[in-house]
Amino acid sequence: MSDRRIGIRLKDLPGRRVKEESLHRAVVELLQASARPGVEWSHFPAGEYRPAVTGGRLKALGTKPGWPDIILVKGGHFYGLELKTEDGRLSPAQVAAHEALAAAGATVAVAYGLDDAIETLKGWGLIR
């Protein structure tokens, strides 16, 4: 089964191990094609490798560890979506950040695979 709206073959993804970057790209394509009007979103680029000097600079500028991969806002509400492969696990920094965001009033979820991400985003009313 193909989903032309997001340009990926869905049969190749659900239930199979997928590199996290591929999952991120699929969710970005989904949001580009299907985000409801009034939804603003961005990837939070904090997880990839970078030289120590760059990491130190970002930390000094206020980048915090563990924030969700995709941040979304609609109607004044903040949503955070952490993307993991089917067998992915949260780091202690991610658990702490997600708990702190929820305590501040955000809605945060972890999606294990593309199907889970689609279900979460639909459940939040952020995609068509």
N, C-alpha and C. Protein backbone atom coordinates (compact mmCIF):
# COMPACT_ATOMS: atom_id res chain seq x y z
N MET A 1 0.85 -1.18 0.00
CA MET A 1 0.00 0.00 0.00
C MET A 1 0.88 1.23 0.00
N SER A 2 0.62 2.14 -0.89
CA SER A 2 1.34 3.41 -0.93
C SER A 2 0.43 4.51 -0.43
N ASP A 3 1.01 5.51 0.15
CA ASP A 3 0.28 6.70 0.52
C ASP A 3 0.93 7.84 -0.23
N ARG A 4 0.35 8.24 -1.34
CA ARG A 4 0.96 9.26 -2.19
C ARG A 4 1.05 10.61 -1.52
N ARG A 5 0.20 10.85 -0.52
CA ARG A 5 0.23 12.14 0.17
C ARG A 5 1.57 12.37 0.84
N ILE A 6 2.20 11.31 1.31
CA ILE A 6 3.46 11.51 2.01
C ILE A 6 4.63 10.84 1.31
N GLY A 7 4.39 10.23 0.14
CA GLY A 7 5.47 9.75 -0.70
C GLY A 7 6.28 8.59 -0.16
N ILE A 8 5.70 7.76 0.69
CA ILE A 8 6.43 6.59 1.20
C ILE A 8 5.56 5.35 1.06
N ARG A 9 6.20 4.23 1.05
CA ARG A 9 5.45 2.98 1.00
C ARG A 9 5.21 2.52 2.43
N LEU A 10 3.98 2.68 2.89
CA LEU A 10 3.66 2.38 4.28
C LEU A 10 3.87 0.90 4.60
N LYS A 11 3.65 0.01 3.62
CA LYS A 11 3.82 -1.41 3.92
C LYS A 11 5.25 -1.74 4.31
N ASP A 12 6.19 -0.89 3.91
CA ASP A 12 7.59 -1.15 4.24
C ASP A 12 7.95 -0.71 5.65
N LEU A 13 7.09 0.07 6.30
CA LEU A 13 7.46 0.64 7.58
C LEU A 13 6.83 -0.03 8.79
N PRO A 14 5.52 -0.10 8.91
CA PRO A 14 4.94 -0.61 10.16
C PRO A 14 5.38 -2.05 10.45
N GLY A 15 5.69 -2.28 11.70
CA GLY A 15 6.04 -3.62 12.15
C GLY A 15 7.45 -4.06 11.80
N ARG A 16 8.22 -3.19 11.18
CA ARG A 16 9.59 -3.53 10.81
C ARG A 16 10.53 -2.54 11.48
N ARG A 17 11.75 -2.99 11.70
CA ARG A 17 12.74 -2.07 12.27
C ARG A 17 13.11 -1.02 11.24
N VAL A 18 12.98 0.20 11.62
CA VAL A 18 13.25 1.31 10.72
C VAL A 18 14.22 2.24 11.43
N LYS A 19 15.19 2.71 10.72
CA LYS A 19 16.10 3.67 11.33
C LYS A 19 15.30 4.88 11.76
N GLU A 20 15.68 5.45 12.88
CA GLU A 20 14.93 6.59 13.42
C GLU A 20 14.91 7.77 12.45
N GLU A 21 15.98 7.99 11.72
CA GLU A 21 15.98 9.10 10.77
C GLU A 21 14.93 8.90 9.68
N SER A 22 14.77 7.68 9.21
CA SER A 22 13.74 7.39 8.21
C SER A 22 12.35 7.66 8.78
N LEU A 23 12.15 7.31 10.02
CA LEU A 23 10.88 7.59 10.69
C LEU A 23 10.65 9.10 10.77
N HIS A 24 11.68 9.85 11.16
CA HIS A 24 11.58 11.30 11.23
C HIS A 24 11.19 11.89 9.87
N ARG A 25 11.87 11.43 8.83
CA ARG A 25 11.58 11.95 7.49
C ARG A 25 10.14 11.64 7.08
N ALA A 26 9.66 10.45 7.41
CA ALA A 26 8.28 10.08 7.07
C ALA A 26 7.27 10.97 7.81
N VAL A 27 7.55 11.26 9.07
CA VAL A 27 6.64 12.12 9.84
C VAL A 27 6.69 13.55 9.31
N VAL A 28 7.85 14.03 8.93
CA VAL A 28 7.96 15.37 8.35
C VAL A 28 7.15 15.44 7.05
N GLU A 29 7.28 14.43 6.20
CA GLU A 29 6.49 14.40 4.96
C GLU A 29 5.00 14.38 5.26
N LEU A 30 4.61 13.62 6.26
CA LEU A 30 3.21 13.57 6.67
C LEU A 30 2.72 14.95 7.11
N LEU A 31 3.49 15.61 7.95
CA LEU A 31 3.09 16.93 8.42
C LEU A 31 3.05 17.96 7.29
N GLN A 32 4.01 17.89 6.39
CA GLN A 32 4.02 18.82 5.25
C GLN A 32 2.76 18.65 4.40
N ALA A 33 2.29 17.43 4.25
CA ALA A 33 1.14 17.15 3.40
C ALA A 33 -0.19 17.24 4.12
N SER A 34 -0.21 16.99 5.44
CA SER A 34 -1.48 16.78 6.11
C SER A 34 -1.74 17.59 7.37
N ALA A 35 -0.83 18.49 7.74
CA ALA A 35 -1.08 19.29 8.95
C ALA A 35 -2.31 20.15 8.73
N ARG A 36 -3.15 20.22 9.75
CA ARG A 36 -4.36 21.05 9.67
C ARG A 36 -3.96 22.53 9.65
N PRO A 37 -4.81 23.36 9.07
CA PRO A 37 -4.55 24.81 9.12
C PRO A 37 -4.38 25.28 10.56
N GLY A 38 -3.44 26.17 10.77
CA GLY A 38 -3.19 26.71 12.11
C GLY A 38 -2.21 25.91 12.94
N VAL A 39 -1.74 24.78 12.41
CA VAL A 39 -0.73 23.98 13.12
C VAL A 39 0.65 24.44 12.67
N GLU A 40 1.46 24.83 13.63
CA GLU A 40 2.86 25.16 13.37
C GLU A 40 3.71 24.08 14.02
N TRP A 41 4.79 23.70 13.37
CA TRP A 41 5.62 22.61 13.89
C TRP A 41 7.05 22.76 13.41
N SER A 42 7.94 22.08 14.11
CA SER A 42 9.34 22.03 13.73
C SER A 42 9.99 20.82 14.37
N HIS A 43 11.03 20.35 13.74
CA HIS A 43 11.89 19.33 14.33
C HIS A 43 12.78 20.02 15.36
N PHE A 44 13.03 19.38 16.47
CA PHE A 44 13.93 19.92 17.49
C PHE A 44 15.27 19.20 17.33
N PRO A 45 16.24 19.81 16.68
CA PRO A 45 17.47 19.12 16.31
C PRO A 45 18.51 19.06 17.43
N ALA A 46 18.30 18.17 18.36
CA ALA A 46 19.24 18.09 19.48
C ALA A 46 19.87 16.71 19.63
N GLY A 47 19.44 15.73 18.85
CA GLY A 47 19.90 14.38 19.11
C GLY A 47 21.06 13.88 18.29
N GLU A 48 21.37 14.53 17.19
CA GLU A 48 22.42 13.99 16.34
C GLU A 48 23.81 14.34 16.85
N TYR A 49 24.80 13.66 16.30
CA TYR A 49 26.19 13.91 16.70
C TYR A 49 26.61 15.32 16.29
N ARG A 50 27.36 15.95 17.15
CA ARG A 50 27.97 17.24 16.82
C ARG A 50 29.24 17.36 17.66
N PRO A 51 30.21 18.15 17.18
CA PRO A 51 31.44 18.33 17.94
C PRO A 51 31.16 18.90 19.34
N ALA A 52 32.02 18.59 20.28
CA ALA A 52 31.83 19.03 21.66
C ALA A 52 31.73 20.54 21.77
N VAL A 53 32.49 21.28 20.97
CA VAL A 53 32.43 22.74 21.04
C VAL A 53 31.04 23.25 20.63
N THR A 54 30.45 22.62 19.62
CA THR A 54 29.10 23.02 19.20
C THR A 54 28.09 22.66 20.27
N GLY A 55 28.22 21.47 20.84
CA GLY A 55 27.32 21.07 21.92
C GLY A 55 27.40 22.02 23.10
N GLY A 56 28.61 22.43 23.46
CA GLY A 56 28.80 23.38 24.55
C GLY A 56 28.17 24.72 24.25
N ARG A 57 28.30 25.16 23.02
CA ARG A 57 27.72 26.44 22.61
C ARG A 57 26.19 26.37 22.68
N LEU A 58 25.62 25.28 22.18
CA LEU A 58 24.16 25.13 22.22
C LEU A 58 23.64 25.06 23.65
N LYS A 59 24.37 24.36 24.50
CA LYS A 59 23.98 24.28 25.91
C LYS A 59 24.02 25.66 26.55
N ALA A 60 25.06 26.44 26.26
CA ALA A 60 25.17 27.79 26.81
C ALA A 60 24.05 28.69 26.32
N LEU A 61 23.53 28.40 25.13
CA LEU A 61 22.43 29.18 24.57
C LEU A 61 21.06 28.71 25.05
N GLY A 62 21.04 27.66 25.87
CA GLY A 62 19.79 27.23 26.48
C GLY A 62 19.17 25.96 25.93
N THR A 63 19.85 25.26 25.02
CA THR A 63 19.33 24.00 24.52
C THR A 63 19.33 22.99 25.66
N LYS A 64 18.19 22.37 25.88
CA LYS A 64 18.06 21.40 26.96
C LYS A 64 17.94 19.99 26.40
N PRO A 65 18.51 19.02 27.09
CA PRO A 65 18.44 17.64 26.62
C PRO A 65 17.06 17.03 26.83
N GLY A 66 16.72 16.09 25.97
CA GLY A 66 15.53 15.28 26.19
C GLY A 66 14.24 15.81 25.62
N TRP A 67 14.26 17.00 25.01
CA TRP A 67 13.02 17.54 24.45
C TRP A 67 12.55 16.67 23.30
N PRO A 68 11.25 16.63 23.05
CA PRO A 68 10.71 15.79 21.97
C PRO A 68 11.26 16.18 20.60
N ASP A 69 11.26 15.21 19.70
CA ASP A 69 11.80 15.40 18.36
C ASP A 69 11.01 16.40 17.53
N ILE A 70 9.70 16.34 17.63
CA ILE A 70 8.83 17.23 16.86
C ILE A 70 8.03 18.06 17.86
N ILE A 71 8.10 19.37 17.69
CA ILE A 71 7.30 20.26 18.54
C ILE A 71 6.23 20.90 17.65
N LEU A 72 5.03 20.96 18.19
CA LEU A 72 3.89 21.47 17.44
C LEU A 72 3.09 22.41 18.32
N VAL A 73 2.46 23.40 17.70
CA VAL A 73 1.61 24.33 18.43
C VAL A 73 0.34 24.54 17.62
N LYS A 74 -0.79 24.48 18.31
CA LYS A 74 -2.08 24.81 17.69
C LYS A 74 -2.97 25.40 18.76
N GLY A 75 -3.57 26.53 18.44
CA GLY A 75 -4.51 27.16 19.36
C GLY A 75 -3.89 27.49 20.70
N GLY A 76 -2.62 27.84 20.72
CA GLY A 76 -1.95 28.20 21.96
C GLY A 76 -1.51 27.02 22.81
N HIS A 77 -1.66 25.81 22.32
CA HIS A 77 -1.24 24.62 23.09
C HIS A 77 -0.01 24.00 22.46
N PHE A 78 0.92 23.59 23.31
CA PHE A 78 2.19 22.98 22.91
C PHE A 78 2.06 21.46 22.94
N TYR A 79 2.49 20.82 21.86
CA TYR A 79 2.52 19.36 21.77
C TYR A 79 3.96 18.94 21.48
N GLY A 80 4.39 17.86 22.08
CA GLY A 80 5.71 17.31 21.81
C GLY A 80 5.59 15.85 21.42
N LEU A 81 6.16 15.48 20.30
CA LEU A 81 6.10 14.09 19.83
C LEU A 81 7.52 13.54 19.72
N GLU A 82 7.82 12.58 20.55
CA GLU A 82 9.09 11.87 20.51
C GLU A 82 8.93 10.68 19.57
N LEU A 83 9.87 10.52 18.65
CA LEU A 83 9.80 9.44 17.68
C LEU A 83 10.84 8.37 18.01
N LYS A 84 10.38 7.15 18.08
CA LYS A 84 11.25 6.01 18.35
C LYS A 84 10.92 4.89 17.38
N THR A 85 11.92 4.10 17.05
CA THR A 85 11.66 2.89 16.29
C THR A 85 10.90 1.93 17.19
N GLU A 86 10.41 0.86 16.61
CA GLU A 86 9.59 -0.11 17.36
C GLU A 86 10.29 -0.60 18.63
N ASP A 87 11.61 -0.71 18.59
CA ASP A 87 12.34 -1.21 19.75
C ASP A 87 13.13 -0.12 20.47
N GLY A 88 12.82 1.15 20.16
CA GLY A 88 13.53 2.26 20.78
C GLY A 88 13.16 2.45 22.25
N ARG A 89 14.03 3.12 22.96
CA ARG A 89 13.81 3.39 24.39
C ARG A 89 14.11 4.84 24.69
N LEU A 90 13.41 5.38 25.68
CA LEU A 90 13.67 6.75 26.12
C LEU A 90 14.91 6.79 27.00
N SER A 91 15.68 7.85 26.87
CA SER A 91 16.81 8.08 27.76
C SER A 91 16.28 8.70 29.06
N PRO A 92 17.06 8.65 30.13
CA PRO A 92 16.63 9.32 31.36
C PRO A 92 16.37 10.82 31.15
N ALA A 93 17.17 11.48 30.30
CA ALA A 93 16.96 12.90 30.02
C ALA A 93 15.63 13.12 29.31
N GLN A 94 15.25 12.20 28.43
CA GLN A 94 13.97 12.33 27.74
C GLN A 94 12.81 12.14 28.70
N VAL A 95 12.90 11.16 29.57
CA VAL A 95 11.84 10.94 30.56
C VAL A 95 11.67 12.20 31.41
N ALA A 96 12.76 12.74 31.90
CA ALA A 96 12.70 13.94 32.76
C ALA A 96 12.13 15.14 32.00
N ALA A 97 12.59 15.35 30.78
CA ALA A 97 12.09 16.49 30.00
C ALA A 97 10.61 16.35 29.69
N HIS A 98 10.17 15.16 29.33
CA HIS A 98 8.77 14.95 29.00
C HIS A 98 7.89 15.17 30.23
N GLU A 99 8.35 14.70 31.38
CA GLU A 99 7.60 14.92 32.63
C GLU A 99 7.52 16.41 32.96
N ALA A 100 8.62 17.13 32.78
CA ALA A 100 8.63 18.58 33.07
C ALA A 100 7.71 19.33 32.11
N LEU A 101 7.73 18.97 30.84
CA LEU A 101 6.86 19.62 29.86
C LEU A 101 5.39 19.35 30.19
N ALA A 102 5.07 18.12 30.54
CA ALA A 102 3.68 17.79 30.91
C ALA A 102 3.25 18.56 32.15
N ALA A 103 4.15 18.69 33.12
CA ALA A 103 3.82 19.44 34.33
C ALA A 103 3.59 20.92 34.02
N ALA A 104 4.21 21.42 32.94
CA ALA A 104 4.03 22.81 32.54
C ALA A 104 2.78 23.01 31.66
N GLY A 105 2.07 21.91 31.37
CA GLY A 105 0.83 22.02 30.61
C GLY A 105 0.89 21.52 29.19
N ALA A 106 2.05 21.04 28.74
CA ALA A 106 2.18 20.52 27.38
C ALA A 106 1.58 19.12 27.28
N THR A 107 1.25 18.74 26.07
CA THR A 107 0.85 17.37 25.77
C THR A 107 2.03 16.71 25.09
N VAL A 108 2.52 15.62 25.67
CA VAL A 108 3.71 14.95 25.16
C VAL A 108 3.41 13.47 25.00
N ALA A 109 3.89 12.90 23.90
CA ALA A 109 3.70 11.47 23.66
C ALA A 109 4.94 10.90 22.98
N VAL A 110 5.09 9.60 23.09
CA VAL A 110 6.15 8.87 22.39
C VAL A 110 5.46 7.99 21.36
N ALA A 111 5.91 8.09 20.10
CA ALA A 111 5.37 7.26 19.03
C ALA A 111 6.43 6.23 18.66
N TYR A 112 6.04 4.97 18.74
CA TYR A 112 6.93 3.87 18.38
C TYR A 112 6.56 3.40 16.97
N GLY A 113 7.15 4.05 15.97
CA GLY A 113 6.87 3.72 14.58
C GLY A 113 5.89 4.70 13.95
N LEU A 114 5.78 4.59 12.62
CA LEU A 114 4.97 5.52 11.86
C LEU A 114 3.48 5.40 12.17
N ASP A 115 2.98 4.18 12.28
CA ASP A 115 1.55 4.01 12.59
C ASP A 115 1.19 4.70 13.90
N ASP A 116 2.03 4.56 14.89
CA ASP A 116 1.80 5.17 16.19
C ASP A 116 1.84 6.70 16.08
N ALA A 117 2.78 7.23 15.29
CA ALA A 117 2.86 8.68 15.10
C ALA A 117 1.60 9.21 14.42
N ILE A 118 1.14 8.52 13.38
CA ILE A 118 -0.07 8.94 12.68
C ILE A 118 -1.26 8.93 13.63
N GLU A 119 -1.40 7.85 14.39
CA GLU A 119 -2.52 7.74 15.34
C GLU A 119 -2.47 8.87 16.38
N THR A 120 -1.28 9.17 16.89
CA THR A 120 -1.14 10.23 17.89
C THR A 120 -1.49 11.59 17.32
N LEU A 121 -0.96 11.91 16.15
CA LEU A 121 -1.23 13.21 15.53
C LEU A 121 -2.70 13.37 15.16
N LYS A 122 -3.31 12.30 14.68
CA LYS A 122 -4.76 12.34 14.39
C LYS A 122 -5.55 12.52 15.69
N GLY A 123 -5.15 11.80 16.73
CA GLY A 123 -5.83 11.90 18.01
C GLY A 123 -5.77 13.30 18.60
N TRP A 124 -4.68 13.99 18.35
CA TRP A 124 -4.53 15.37 18.80
C TRP A 124 -5.25 16.35 17.88
N GLY A 125 -5.75 15.87 16.74
CA GLY A 125 -6.44 16.74 15.79
C GLY A 125 -5.51 17.64 15.00
N LEU A 126 -4.24 17.22 14.84
CA LEU A 126 -3.26 18.07 14.19
C LEU A 126 -3.04 17.75 12.71
N ILE A 127 -3.51 16.56 12.26
CA ILE A 127 -3.41 16.22 10.84
C ILE A 127 -4.79 15.78 10.35
N ARG A 128 -4.96 15.89 9.00
CA ARG A 128 -6.21 15.47 8.36
C ARG A 128 -6.22 13.98 8.18
